[in-house]
């Protein structure tokens, strides 16, 4: 058994000596590849987040006359579509001067 381990050690040592000149360039390329993949991943996440945020800001519900601000019934006209992407381009949208009931009650109190 000891001869087997000695033979394994000699083969492993010879293999390491054989590939040692190539290890530094391979590690260099792999390290920069990992950095490039990480940067690309972060860039993709930022780009997708910005696109999603721009799409969400197109939802007009909070400026609509029919928007109640109540979490139980946000919109009596289209309750299923309120505050979703389906509400973009809503045919019943009417701009309001005061957006929410909460804002109306604050105005009455002052």
C-alpha atoms as a PDB file:
ATOM      1  CA  UNK A   1       0.000   0.000   0.000  1.00  0.00           C
ATOM      2  CA  UNK A   2       2.868   2.342   0.764  1.00  0.00           C
ATOM      3  CA  UNK A   3       4.248   1.804  -2.738  1.00  0.00           C
ATOM      4  CA  UNK A   4       0.881   2.857  -4.173  1.00  0.00           C
ATOM      5  CA  UNK A   5       0.944   6.150  -2.255  1.00  0.00           C
ATOM      6  CA  UNK A   6       4.549   6.801  -3.255  1.00  0.00           C
ATOM      7  CA  UNK A   7       3.673   6.168  -6.899  1.00  0.00           C
ATOM      8  CA  UNK A   8       0.624   8.422  -6.583  1.00  0.00           C
ATOM      9  CA  UNK A   9       2.816  11.138  -5.029  1.00  0.00           C
ATOM     10  CA  UNK A  10       5.371  10.903  -7.849  1.00  0.00           C
ATOM     11  CA  UNK A  11       2.693  11.035 -10.549  1.00  0.00           C
ATOM     12  CA  UNK A  12       0.923  13.971  -8.867  1.00  0.00           C
ATOM     13  CA  UNK A  13       4.190  15.854  -8.379  1.00  0.00           C
ATOM     14  CA  UNK A  14       5.182  15.281 -12.021  1.00  0.00           C
ATOM     15  CA  UNK A  15       1.758  16.427 -13.222  1.00  0.00           C
ATOM     16  CA  UNK A  16       1.943  19.621 -11.137  1.00  0.00           C
ATOM     17  CA  UNK A  17       5.427  20.351 -12.459  1.00  0.00           C
ATOM     18  CA  UNK A  18       4.131  19.822 -15.994  1.00  0.00           C
ATOM     19  CA  UNK A  19       1.177  22.218 -15.754  1.00  0.00           C
ATOM     20  CA  UNK A  20       2.756  24.809 -13.439  1.00  0.00           C
ATOM     21  CA  UNK A  21       3.823  27.183 -16.275  1.00  0.00           C
ATOM     22  CA  UNK A  22       0.204  27.295 -17.472  1.00  0.00           C
ATOM     23  CA  UNK A  23      -1.460  27.777 -14.069  1.00  0.00           C
ATOM     24  CA  UNK A  24      -0.808  31.518 -13.777  1.00  0.00           C
ATOM     25  CA  UNK A  25      -2.283  32.409 -17.192  1.00  0.00           C
ATOM     26  CA  UNK A  26      -5.236  30.070 -16.654  1.00  0.00           C
ATOM     27  CA  UNK A  27      -5.952  31.548 -13.212  1.00  0.00           C
ATOM     28  CA  UNK A  28      -5.554  35.083 -14.596  1.00  0.00           C
ATOM     29  CA  UNK A  29      -8.085  34.460 -17.359  1.00  0.00           C
ATOM     30  CA  UNK A  30     -10.492  32.686 -15.023  1.00  0.00           C
ATOM     31  CA  UNK A  31     -10.329  35.492 -12.454  1.00  0.00           C
ATOM     32  CA  UNK A  32     -11.087  38.149 -15.071  1.00  0.00           C
ATOM     33  CA  UNK A  33     -13.856  35.986 -16.516  1.00  0.00           C
ATOM     34  CA  UNK A  34     -15.482  35.798 -13.074  1.00  0.00           C
ATOM     35  CA  UNK A  35     -15.167  39.566 -12.674  1.00  0.00           C
ATOM     36  CA  UNK A  36     -16.682  40.130 -16.136  1.00  0.00           C
ATOM     37  CA  UNK A  37     -19.589  37.796 -15.381  1.00  0.00           C
ATOM     38  CA  UNK A  38     -20.248  39.564 -12.064  1.00  0.00           C
ATOM     39  CA  UNK A  39     -20.193  43.008 -13.715  1.00  0.00           C
ATOM     40  CA  UNK A  40     -22.492  41.783 -16.501  1.00  0.00           C
ATOM     41  CA  UNK A  41     -24.887  40.309 -13.956  1.00  0.00           C
ATOM     42  CA  UNK A  42     -25.039  43.544 -11.951  1.00  0.00           C
ATOM     43  CA  UNK A  43     -25.501  45.590 -15.134  1.00  0.00           C
ATOM     44  CA  UNK A  44     -28.344  43.309 -16.283  1.00  0.00           C
ATOM     45  CA  UNK A  45     -30.073  43.544 -12.905  1.00  0.00           C
ATOM     46  CA  UNK A  46     -29.849  47.355 -12.905  1.00  0.00           C
ATOM     47  CA  UNK A  47     -31.077  47.583 -16.513  1.00  0.00           C
ATOM     48  CA  UNK A  48     -34.033  45.276 -15.845  1.00  0.00           C
ATOM     49  CA  UNK A  49     -34.932  47.154 -12.645  1.00  0.00           C
ATOM     50  CA  UNK A  50     -34.949  50.497 -14.441  1.00  0.00           C
ATOM     51  CA  UNK A  51     -37.151  49.120 -17.232  1.00  0.00           C
ATOM     52  CA  UNK A  52     -39.553  47.657 -14.681  1.00  0.00           C
ATOM     53  CA  UNK A  53     -39.684  50.912 -12.700  1.00  0.00           C
ATOM     54  CA  UNK A  54     -40.393  52.912 -15.859  1.00  0.00           C
ATOM     55  CA  UNK A  55     -43.231  50.532 -16.703  1.00  0.00           C
ATOM     56  CA  UNK A  56     -44.685  50.786 -13.183  1.00  0.00           C
ATOM     57  CA  UNK A  57     -44.594  54.600 -13.305  1.00  0.00           C
ATOM     58  CA  UNK A  58     -46.920  54.492 -16.312  1.00  0.00           C
ATOM     59  CA  UNK A  59     -49.767  53.164 -14.145  1.00  0.00           C
ATOM     60  CA  UNK A  60     -52.136  56.143 -13.813  1.00  0.00           C
ATOM     61  CA  UNK A  61     -54.360  54.881 -10.991  1.00  0.00           C
ATOM     62  CA  UNK A  62     -53.141  57.147  -8.204  1.00  0.00           C
ATOM     63  CA  UNK A  63     -54.020  60.264 -10.251  1.00  0.00           C
ATOM     64  CA  UNK A  64     -57.450  58.965 -11.302  1.00  0.00           C
ATOM     65  CA  UNK A  65     -60.695  60.497 -10.119  1.00  0.00           C
ATOM     66  CA  UNK A  66     -62.077  57.062  -9.205  1.00  0.00           C
ATOM     67  CA  UNK A  67     -59.068  55.927  -7.179  1.00  0.00           C
ATOM     68  CA  UNK A  68     -60.163  55.670  -3.553  1.00  0.00           C
ATOM     69  CA  UNK A  69     -56.870  54.999  -1.758  1.00  0.00           C
ATOM     70  CA  UNK A  70     -58.664  52.311   0.261  1.00  0.00           C
ATOM     71  CA  UNK A  71     -56.706  49.050   0.263  1.00  0.00           C
ATOM     72  CA  UNK A  72     -59.947  47.025   0.173  1.00  0.00           C
ATOM     73  CA  UNK A  73     -61.369  48.679  -2.956  1.00  0.00           C
ATOM     74  CA  UNK A  74     -58.832  50.774  -4.799  1.00  0.00           C
ATOM     75  CA  UNK A  75     -61.007  51.401  -7.847  1.00  0.00           C
ATOM     76  CA  UNK A  76     -64.782  50.870  -8.016  1.00  0.00           C
ATOM     77  CA  UNK A  77     -64.744  50.908 -11.843  1.00  0.00           C
ATOM     78  CA  UNK A  78     -62.028  48.278 -12.436  1.00  0.00           C
ATOM     79  CA  UNK A  79     -61.192  46.690  -9.056  1.00  0.00           C
ATOM     80  CA  UNK A  80     -59.288  43.757 -10.552  1.00  0.00           C
ATOM     81  CA  UNK A  81     -57.000  45.924 -12.655  1.00  0.00           C
ATOM     82  CA  UNK A  82     -56.332  48.738 -10.179  1.00  0.00           C
ATOM     83  CA  UNK A  83     -52.628  49.435  -9.617  1.00  0.00           C
ATOM     84  CA  UNK A  84     -51.535  46.724 -12.082  1.00  0.00           C
ATOM     85  CA  UNK A  85     -49.977  46.924 -15.544  1.00  0.00           C
ATOM     86  CA  UNK A  86     -53.401  46.192 -17.006  1.00  0.00           C
ATOM     87  CA  UNK A  87     -54.470  49.661 -15.840  1.00  0.00           C
ATOM     88  CA  UNK A  88     -52.067  51.370 -18.261  1.00  0.00           C
ATOM     89  CA  UNK A  89     -54.235  52.981 -20.914  1.00  0.00           C
ATOM     90  CA  UNK A  90     -57.435  52.599 -18.893  1.00  0.00           C
ATOM     91  CA  UNK A  91     -60.382  53.896 -20.923  1.00  0.00           C
ATOM     92  CA  UNK A  92     -62.157  55.181 -17.791  1.00  0.00           C
ATOM     93  CA  UNK A  93     -59.239  57.246 -16.488  1.00  0.00           C
ATOM     94  CA  UNK A  94     -60.160  60.781 -15.444  1.00  0.00           C
ATOM     95  CA  UNK A  95     -57.612  63.051 -13.849  1.00  0.00           C
ATOM     96  CA  UNK A  96     -58.531  64.282 -10.403  1.00  0.00           C
ATOM     97  CA  UNK A  97     -57.560  67.327  -8.388  1.00  0.00           C
ATOM     98  CA  UNK A  98     -57.477  65.485  -5.061  1.00  0.00           C
ATOM     99  CA  UNK A  99     -56.283  61.929  -5.322  1.00  0.00           C
ATOM    100  CA  UNK A 100     -57.322  60.135  -2.132  1.00  0.00           C
ATOM    101  CA  UNK A 101     -59.981  60.185   0.517  1.00  0.00           C
ATOM    102  CA  UNK A 102     -57.224  60.594   3.082  1.00  0.00           C
ATOM    103  CA  UNK A 103     -56.149  63.832   1.411  1.00  0.00           C
ATOM    104  CA  UNK A 104     -59.767  65.015   1.416  1.00  0.00           C
ATOM    105  CA  UNK A 105     -60.171  64.308   5.120  1.00  0.00           C
ATOM    106  CA  UNK A 106     -56.932  66.161   5.880  1.00  0.00           C
ATOM    107  CA  UNK A 107     -58.181  69.174   3.916  1.00  0.00           C
ATOM    108  CA  UNK A 108     -61.446  69.169   5.889  1.00  0.00           C
ATOM    109  CA  UNK A 109     -59.610  69.066   9.215  1.00  0.00           C
ATOM    110  CA  UNK A 110     -57.483  72.103   8.421  1.00  0.00           C
END
